[in-house]
PDB file of N, CA and C in Angstrom:
ATOM      1  N   UNK A   1      80.392 110.842 -27.539  1.00  0.00           N
ATOM      2  CA  UNK A   1      80.167 112.369 -28.399  1.00  0.00           C
ATOM      3  C   UNK A   1      78.783 112.785 -28.234  1.00  0.00           C
ATOM      4  N   UNK A   2      78.946 114.054 -27.991  1.00  0.00           N
ATOM      5  CA  UNK A   2      77.701 115.086 -28.118  1.00  0.00           C
ATOM      6  C   UNK A   2      77.683 116.157 -29.181  1.00  0.00           C
ATOM      7  N   UNK A   3      76.668 116.069 -29.658  1.00  0.00           N
ATOM      8  CA  UNK A   3      76.577 117.226 -30.950  1.00  0.00           C
ATOM      9  C   UNK A   3      75.715 118.067 -30.193  1.00  0.00           C
ATOM     10  N   UNK A   4      75.916 119.282 -30.227  1.00  0.00           N
ATOM     11  CA  UNK A   4      75.112 120.318 -29.867  1.00  0.00           C
ATOM     12  C   UNK A   4      75.462 121.516 -29.831  1.00  0.00           C
ATOM     13  N   UNK A   5      75.171 122.479 -29.180  1.00  0.00           N
ATOM     14  CA  UNK A   5      75.552 123.752 -29.312  1.00  0.00           C
ATOM     15  C   UNK A   5      76.562 124.236 -28.102  1.00  0.00           C
ATOM     16  N   UNK A   6      77.525 125.459 -28.670  1.00  0.00           N
ATOM     17  CA  UNK A   6      78.939 125.645 -28.264  1.00  0.00           C
ATOM     18  C   UNK A   6      78.885 125.792 -27.079  1.00  0.00           C
ATOM     19  N   UNK A   7      77.808 126.918 -26.377  1.00  0.00           N
ATOM     20  CA  UNK A   7      77.573 126.874 -24.869  1.00  0.00           C
ATOM     21  C   UNK A   7      77.681 126.175 -23.963  1.00  0.00           C
ATOM     22  N   UNK A   8      77.287 124.649 -24.686  1.00  0.00           N
ATOM     23  CA  UNK A   8      77.535 123.238 -23.521  1.00  0.00           C
ATOM     24  C   UNK A   8      79.030 122.900 -23.858  1.00  0.00           C
ATOM     25  N   UNK A   9      79.789 123.454 -24.310  1.00  0.00           N
ATOM     26  CA  UNK A   9      81.382 122.868 -24.663  1.00  0.00           C
ATOM     27  C   UNK A   9      82.166 122.205 -23.123  1.00  0.00           C
ATOM     28  N   UNK A  10      82.038 123.431 -22.292  1.00  0.00           N
ATOM     29  CA  UNK A  10      82.685 123.303 -21.143  1.00  0.00           C
ATOM     30  C   UNK A  10      82.400 122.145 -19.950  1.00  0.00           C
ATOM     31  N   UNK A  11      80.787 121.912 -20.254  1.00  0.00           N
ATOM     32  CA  UNK A  11      80.129 120.780 -19.410  1.00  0.00           C
ATOM     33  C   UNK A  11      80.639 119.723 -19.805  1.00  0.00           C
ATOM     34  N   UNK A  12      80.368 119.142 -21.218  1.00  0.00           N
ATOM     35  CA  UNK A  12      80.453 118.167 -21.880  1.00  0.00           C
ATOM     36  C   UNK A  12      81.946 117.831 -21.857  1.00  0.00           C
ATOM     37  N   UNK A  13      82.771 118.354 -21.884  1.00  0.00           N
ATOM     38  CA  UNK A  13      84.508 118.524 -21.759  1.00  0.00           C
ATOM     39  C   UNK A  13      85.198 118.080 -20.398  1.00  0.00           C
ATOM     40  N   UNK A  14      84.164 118.752 -19.531  1.00  0.00           N
ATOM     41  CA  UNK A  14      84.667 118.204 -18.203  1.00  0.00           C
ATOM     42  C   UNK A  14      84.373 117.043 -17.868  1.00  0.00           C
ATOM     43  N   UNK A  15      82.935 116.370 -18.300  1.00  0.00           N
ATOM     44  CA  UNK A  15      83.099 115.362 -18.005  1.00  0.00           C
ATOM     45  C   UNK A  15      83.397 114.079 -18.707  1.00  0.00           C
ATOM     46  N   UNK A  16      84.301 114.670 -19.491  1.00  0.00           N
ATOM     47  CA  UNK A  16      85.271 113.707 -20.325  1.00  0.00           C
ATOM     48  C   UNK A  16      84.617 113.472 -21.968  1.00  0.00           C
ATOM     49  N   UNK A  17      83.505 113.789 -22.312  1.00  0.00           N
ATOM     50  CA  UNK A  17      83.289 113.165 -23.628  1.00  0.00           C
ATOM     51  C   UNK A  17      83.501 114.483 -24.848  1.00  0.00           C
ATOM     52  N   UNK A  18      83.379 114.335 -25.884  1.00  0.00           N
ATOM     53  CA  UNK A  18      83.980 114.989 -27.173  1.00  0.00           C
ATOM     54  C   UNK A  18      82.892 115.681 -27.211  1.00  0.00           C
ATOM     55  N   UNK A  19      82.968 116.802 -27.903  1.00  0.00           N
ATOM     56  CA  UNK A  19      82.096 117.830 -28.405  1.00  0.00           C
ATOM     57  C   UNK A  19      81.972 118.091 -29.693  1.00  0.00           C
ATOM     58  N   UNK A  20      80.890 118.020 -30.866  1.00  0.00           N
ATOM     59  CA  UNK A  20      80.763 118.214 -31.844  1.00  0.00           C
ATOM     60  C   UNK A  20      79.797 119.592 -32.354  1.00  0.00           C
ATOM     61  N   UNK A  21      80.528 120.743 -32.581  1.00  0.00           N
ATOM     62  CA  UNK A  21      79.509 121.596 -32.280  1.00  0.00           C
ATOM     63  C   UNK A  21      78.615 121.998 -33.685  1.00  0.00           C
ATOM     64  N   UNK A  22      77.146 121.974 -33.112  1.00  0.00           N
ATOM     65  CA  UNK A  22      76.265 122.344 -34.130  1.00  0.00           C
ATOM     66  C   UNK A  22      76.114 123.788 -34.439  1.00  0.00           C
ATOM     67  N   UNK A  23      75.357 123.935 -35.281  1.00  0.00           N
ATOM     68  CA  UNK A  23      75.373 125.646 -35.739  1.00  0.00           C
ATOM     69  C   UNK A  23      74.000 125.666 -35.544  1.00  0.00           C
ATOM     70  N   UNK A  24      73.132 126.542 -35.389  1.00  0.00           N
ATOM     71  CA  UNK A  24      73.766 127.984 -35.124  1.00  0.00           C
ATOM     72  C   UNK A  24      74.129 128.087 -33.436  1.00  0.00           C
ATOM     73  N   UNK A  25      75.028 128.907 -33.385  1.00  0.00           N
ATOM     74  CA  UNK A  25      75.141 129.168 -31.718  1.00  0.00           C
ATOM     75  C   UNK A  25      74.286 129.964 -31.235  1.00  0.00           C
ATOM     76  N   UNK A  26      73.647 129.734 -29.911  1.00  0.00           N
ATOM     77  CA  UNK A  26      72.651 130.388 -29.536  1.00  0.00           C
ATOM     78  C   UNK A  26      72.854 131.664 -28.723  1.00  0.00           C
ATOM     79  N   UNK A  27      73.577 132.940 -29.846  1.00  0.00           N
ATOM     80  CA  UNK A  27      73.848 134.192 -29.204  1.00  0.00           C
ATOM     81  C   UNK A  27      72.930 135.194 -28.940  1.00  0.00           C
ATOM     82  N   UNK A  28      71.728 134.632 -28.712  1.00  0.00           N
ATOM     83  CA  UNK A  28      70.659 135.332 -28.452  1.00  0.00           C
ATOM     84  C   UNK A  28      70.353 135.240 -26.785  1.00  0.00           C
ATOM     85  N   UNK A  29      71.302 134.254 -26.202  1.00  0.00           N
ATOM     86  CA  UNK A  29      71.099 133.780 -24.912  1.00  0.00           C
ATOM     87  C   UNK A  29      71.800 135.134 -23.855  1.00  0.00           C
ATOM     88  N   UNK A  30      72.622 135.842 -24.923  1.00  0.00           N
ATOM     89  CA  UNK A  30      73.610 137.040 -24.511  1.00  0.00           C
ATOM     90  C   UNK A  30      72.889 138.320 -24.940  1.00  0.00           C
ATOM     91  N   UNK A  31      71.738 138.402 -25.508  1.00  0.00           N
ATOM     92  CA  UNK A  31      71.334 139.809 -26.132  1.00  0.00           C
ATOM     93  C   UNK A  31      69.612 139.926 -25.648  1.00  0.00           C
ATOM     94  N   UNK A  32      69.446 140.583 -24.467  1.00  0.00           N
ATOM     95  CA  UNK A  32      68.372 140.806 -24.215  1.00  0.00           C
ATOM     96  C   UNK A  32      67.113 141.251 -24.982  1.00  0.00           C
ATOM     97  N   UNK A  33      67.584 142.021 -26.346  1.00  0.00           N
ATOM     98  CA  UNK A  33      66.830 142.690 -26.980  1.00  0.00           C
ATOM     99  C   UNK A  33      66.167 141.411 -27.822  1.00  0.00           C
ATOM    100  N   UNK A  34      66.986 140.424 -28.062  1.00  0.00           N
ATOM    101  CA  UNK A  34      66.760 139.217 -29.330  1.00  0.00           C
ATOM    102  C   UNK A  34      65.994 138.359 -28.278  1.00  0.00           C
ATOM    103  N   UNK A  35      66.148 138.162 -26.984  1.00  0.00           N
ATOM    104  CA  UNK A  35      65.721 137.290 -26.383  1.00  0.00           C
ATOM    105  C   UNK A  35      63.877 137.986 -26.227  1.00  0.00           C
ATOM    106  N   UNK A  36      64.022 138.866 -26.382  1.00  0.00           N
ATOM    107  CA  UNK A  36      62.452 139.588 -25.529  1.00  0.00           C
ATOM    108  C   UNK A  36      61.805 139.463 -27.184  1.00  0.00           C
ATOM    109  N   UNK A  37      62.452 139.496 -28.198  1.00  0.00           N
ATOM    110  CA  UNK A  37      61.772 139.223 -29.516  1.00  0.00           C
ATOM    111  C   UNK A  37      61.529 137.765 -29.459  1.00  0.00           C
ATOM    112  N   UNK A  38      62.054 137.008 -29.081  1.00  0.00           N
ATOM    113  CA  UNK A  38      61.946 135.749 -29.278  1.00  0.00           C
ATOM    114  C   UNK A  38      60.701 135.239 -27.912  1.00  0.00           C
ATOM    115  N   UNK A  39      60.677 135.677 -27.036  1.00  0.00           N
ATOM    116  CA  UNK A  39      59.698 135.398 -26.066  1.00  0.00           C
ATOM    117  C   UNK A  39      58.408 136.096 -26.018  1.00  0.00           C
ATOM    118  N   UNK A  40      58.289 137.182 -27.208  1.00  0.00           N
ATOM    119  CA  UNK A  40      57.054 137.747 -27.352  1.00  0.00           C
ATOM    120  C   UNK A  40      56.003 137.085 -27.423  1.00  0.00           C
ATOM    121  N   UNK A  41      54.841 137.064 -26.467  1.00  0.00           N
ATOM    122  CA  UNK A  41      53.825 136.116 -26.473  1.00  0.00           C
ATOM    123  C   UNK A  41      52.910 136.407 -27.599  1.00  0.00           C
ATOM    124  N   UNK A  42      53.273 136.983 -28.390  1.00  0.00           N
ATOM    125  CA  UNK A  42      52.159 137.269 -29.520  1.00  0.00           C
ATOM    126  C   UNK A  42      52.886 136.634 -30.930  1.00  0.00           C
ATOM    127  N   UNK A  43      54.190 137.493 -30.802  1.00  0.00           N
ATOM    128  CA  UNK A  43      55.060 137.200 -32.763  1.00  0.00           C
ATOM    129  C   UNK A  43      56.171 136.273 -32.071  1.00  0.00           C
ATOM    130  N   UNK A  44      56.488 135.607 -31.011  1.00  0.00           N
ATOM    131  CA  UNK A  44      57.815 135.408 -30.626  1.00  0.00           C
ATOM    132  C   UNK A  44      58.206 134.009 -31.251  1.00  0.00           C
ATOM    133  N   UNK A  45      56.790 132.807 -31.135  1.00  0.00           N
ATOM    134  CA  UNK A  45      57.212 131.887 -31.798  1.00  0.00           C
ATOM    135  C   UNK A  45      57.707 131.613 -33.346  1.00  0.00           C
ATOM    136  N   UNK A  46      56.741 132.628 -34.106  1.00  0.00           N
ATOM    137  CA  UNK A  46      56.948 133.183 -35.609  1.00  0.00           C
ATOM    138  C   UNK A  46      58.274 133.501 -35.566  1.00  0.00           C
ATOM    139  N   UNK A  47      58.802 134.465 -35.005  1.00  0.00           N
ATOM    140  CA  UNK A  47      60.082 134.931 -35.146  1.00  0.00           C
ATOM    141  C   UNK A  47      61.059 134.087 -34.986  1.00  0.00           C
ATOM    142  N   UNK A  48      61.060 133.369 -33.852  1.00  0.00           N
ATOM    143  CA  UNK A  48      62.078 132.085 -33.494  1.00  0.00           C
ATOM    144  C   UNK A  48      61.932 131.214 -34.576  1.00  0.00           C
ATOM    145  N   UNK A  49      60.962 130.584 -35.026  1.00  0.00           N
ATOM    146  CA  UNK A  49      60.725 129.521 -36.143  1.00  0.00           C
ATOM    147  C   UNK A  49      61.584 130.493 -37.461  1.00  0.00           C
ATOM    148  N   UNK A  50      61.193 131.596 -37.816  1.00  0.00           N
ATOM    149  CA  UNK A  50      61.579 131.909 -39.047  1.00  0.00           C
ATOM    150  C   UNK A  50      63.185 132.681 -39.293  1.00  0.00           C
ATOM    151  N   UNK A  51      63.425 133.109 -38.316  1.00  0.00           N
ATOM    152  CA  UNK A  51      65.204 133.742 -38.074  1.00  0.00           C
ATOM    153  C   UNK A  51      66.020 132.561 -37.046  1.00  0.00           C
ATOM    154  N   UNK A  52      65.401 132.075 -36.493  1.00  0.00           N
ATOM    155  CA  UNK A  52      66.517 130.629 -35.630  1.00  0.00           C
ATOM    156  C   UNK A  52      66.666 129.268 -36.708  1.00  0.00           C
ATOM    157  N   UNK A  53      65.301 128.694 -36.245  1.00  0.00           N
ATOM    158  CA  UNK A  53      65.365 127.554 -36.953  1.00  0.00           C
ATOM    159  C   UNK A  53      65.235 126.958 -38.089  1.00  0.00           C
ATOM    160  N   UNK A  54      64.505 127.636 -39.109  1.00  0.00           N
ATOM    161  CA  UNK A  54      64.277 127.638 -40.369  1.00  0.00           C
ATOM    162  C   UNK A  54      65.398 128.484 -41.140  1.00  0.00           C
ATOM    163  N   UNK A  55      65.958 129.179 -40.569  1.00  0.00           N
ATOM    164  CA  UNK A  55      66.964 130.167 -41.352  1.00  0.00           C
ATOM    165  C   UNK A  55      68.254 129.714 -41.332  1.00  0.00           C
ATOM    166  N   UNK A  56      68.375 128.533 -40.143  1.00  0.00           N
ATOM    167  CA  UNK A  56      69.995 127.843 -40.206  1.00  0.00           C
ATOM    168  C   UNK A  56      69.435 126.031 -40.393  1.00  0.00           C
ATOM    169  N   UNK A  57      68.480 125.720 -40.694  1.00  0.00           N
ATOM    170  CA  UNK A  57      68.205 124.101 -40.950  1.00  0.00           C
ATOM    171  C   UNK A  57      69.386 123.779 -41.996  1.00  0.00           C
ATOM    172  N   UNK A  58      69.636 124.147 -43.055  1.00  0.00           N
ATOM    173  CA  UNK A  58      70.712 123.343 -43.720  1.00  0.00           C
ATOM    174  C   UNK A  58      72.102 123.178 -42.725  1.00  0.00           C
ATOM    175  N   UNK A  59      72.868 124.314 -42.006  1.00  0.00           N
ATOM    176  CA  UNK A  59      73.582 124.175 -41.268  1.00  0.00           C
ATOM    177  C   UNK A  59      73.431 123.105 -40.427  1.00  0.00           C
ATOM    178  N   UNK A  60      72.356 123.169 -39.453  1.00  0.00           N
ATOM    179  CA  UNK A  60      72.070 122.402 -38.487  1.00  0.00           C
ATOM    180  C   UNK A  60      72.242 120.674 -39.257  1.00  0.00           C
ATOM    181  N   UNK A  61      71.631 120.296 -40.092  1.00  0.00           N
ATOM    182  CA  UNK A  61      71.711 119.171 -40.834  1.00  0.00           C
ATOM    183  C   UNK A  61      72.891 119.011 -41.131  1.00  0.00           C
ATOM    184  N   UNK A  62      73.749 119.877 -41.843  1.00  0.00           N
ATOM    185  CA  UNK A  62      75.027 119.539 -42.540  1.00  0.00           C
ATOM    186  C   UNK A  62      75.881 118.767 -41.336  1.00  0.00           C
ATOM    187  N   UNK A  63      75.875 119.883 -40.032  1.00  0.00           N
ATOM    188  CA  UNK A  63      76.595 119.528 -38.982  1.00  0.00           C
ATOM    189  C   UNK A  63      76.564 118.123 -38.318  1.00  0.00           C
ATOM    190  N   UNK A  64      74.840 117.724 -38.437  1.00  0.00           N
ATOM    191  CA  UNK A  64      74.595 116.330 -37.638  1.00  0.00           C
ATOM    192  C   UNK A  64      74.895 115.355 -38.521  1.00  0.00           C
ATOM    193  N   UNK A  65      74.931 115.583 -39.854  1.00  0.00           N
ATOM    194  CA  UNK A  65      75.115 114.377 -40.711  1.00  0.00           C
ATOM    195  C   UNK A  65      76.886 114.158 -40.763  1.00  0.00           C
ATOM    196  N   UNK A  66      77.947 115.296 -40.640  1.00  0.00           N
ATOM    197  CA  UNK A  66      79.289 115.051 -40.445  1.00  0.00           C
ATOM    198  C   UNK A  66      79.469 114.621 -39.298  1.00  0.00           C
ATOM    199  N   UNK A  67      78.670 114.602 -38.207  1.00  0.00           N
ATOM    200  CA  UNK A  67      79.488 113.813 -36.884  1.00  0.00           C
ATOM    201  C   UNK A  67      78.844 111.990 -36.905  1.00  0.00           C
ATOM    202  N   UNK A  68      77.835 112.021 -37.902  1.00  0.00           N
ATOM    203  CA  UNK A  68      76.763 111.006 -37.630  1.00  0.00           C
ATOM    204  C   UNK A  68      77.884 109.719 -38.423  1.00  0.00           C
ATOM    205  N   UNK A  69      77.983 108.519 -37.980  1.00  0.00           N
ATOM    206  CA  UNK A  69      78.608 107.626 -38.112  1.00  0.00           C
ATOM    207  C   UNK A  69      77.975 106.220 -38.071  1.00  0.00           C
ATOM    208  N   UNK A  70      78.368 104.950 -38.345  1.00  0.00           N
ATOM    209  CA  UNK A  70      77.893 104.182 -37.840  1.00  0.00           C
ATOM    210  C   UNK A  70      77.750 103.422 -36.818  1.00  0.00           C
ATOM    211  N   UNK A  71      78.704 103.922 -35.869  1.00  0.00           N
ATOM    212  CA  UNK A  71      79.183 103.643 -34.580  1.00  0.00           C
ATOM    213  C   UNK A  71      78.297 104.324 -33.738  1.00  0.00           C
ATOM    214  N   UNK A  72      77.079 105.056 -34.068  1.00  0.00           N
ATOM    215  CA  UNK A  72      76.480 105.974 -32.928  1.00  0.00           C
ATOM    216  C   UNK A  72      75.352 104.920 -32.840  1.00  0.00           C
ATOM    217  N   UNK A  73      75.277 104.578 -31.553  1.00  0.00           N
ATOM    218  CA  UNK A  73      74.264 103.845 -30.973  1.00  0.00           C
ATOM    219  C   UNK A  73      72.819 104.451 -30.446  1.00  0.00           C
ATOM    220  N   UNK A  74      73.053 105.519 -30.165  1.00  0.00           N
ATOM    221  CA  UNK A  74      71.564 106.503 -29.772  1.00  0.00           C
ATOM    222  C   UNK A  74      72.131 107.484 -30.212  1.00  0.00           C
ATOM    223  N   UNK A  75      70.714 108.336 -30.405  1.00  0.00           N
ATOM    224  CA  UNK A  75      70.490 109.898 -30.794  1.00  0.00           C
ATOM    225  C   UNK A  75      69.426 110.183 -30.136  1.00  0.00           C
ATOM    226  N   UNK A  76      69.768 111.781 -29.342  1.00  0.00           N
ATOM    227  CA  UNK A  76      68.737 112.326 -28.920  1.00  0.00           C
ATOM    228  C   UNK A  76      68.273 113.705 -29.466  1.00  0.00           C
ATOM    229  N   UNK A  77      67.237 113.641 -30.200  1.00  0.00           N
ATOM    230  CA  UNK A  77      66.837 114.347 -31.383  1.00  0.00           C
ATOM    231  C   UNK A  77      66.180 115.609 -30.549  1.00  0.00           C
ATOM    232  N   UNK A  78      66.300 116.071 -29.621  1.00  0.00           N
ATOM    233  CA  UNK A  78      65.778 117.273 -28.784  1.00  0.00           C
ATOM    234  C   UNK A  78      66.339 117.734 -27.369  1.00  0.00           C
ATOM    235  N   UNK A  79      66.355 118.771 -27.135  1.00  0.00           N
ATOM    236  CA  UNK A  79      66.843 119.334 -25.861  1.00  0.00           C
ATOM    237  C   UNK A  79      66.747 118.646 -24.715  1.00  0.00           C
ATOM    238  N   UNK A  80      68.052 118.259 -23.917  1.00  0.00           N
ATOM    239  CA  UNK A  80      67.791 117.569 -22.763  1.00  0.00           C
ATOM    240  C   UNK A  80      67.408 118.516 -21.511  1.00  0.00           C
TER     241      UNK A  80
END
């Protein structure tokens, strides 16, 4: 089982693995203006942290805890 964002669903399921969707979806990938705000050299890190990471931290934690079981033998806690 992989717990990650929805945009990886096709790749993961094509390999025969189960996907547990983690919020928030990375909708910014399809929005050039949002990506520009996130990539701004001066304010991008703060914008991303406040509006994407911290704003959805509870939902992300809840999703992770909902898929975690005693049977998990490996947890990758960063982007691959």
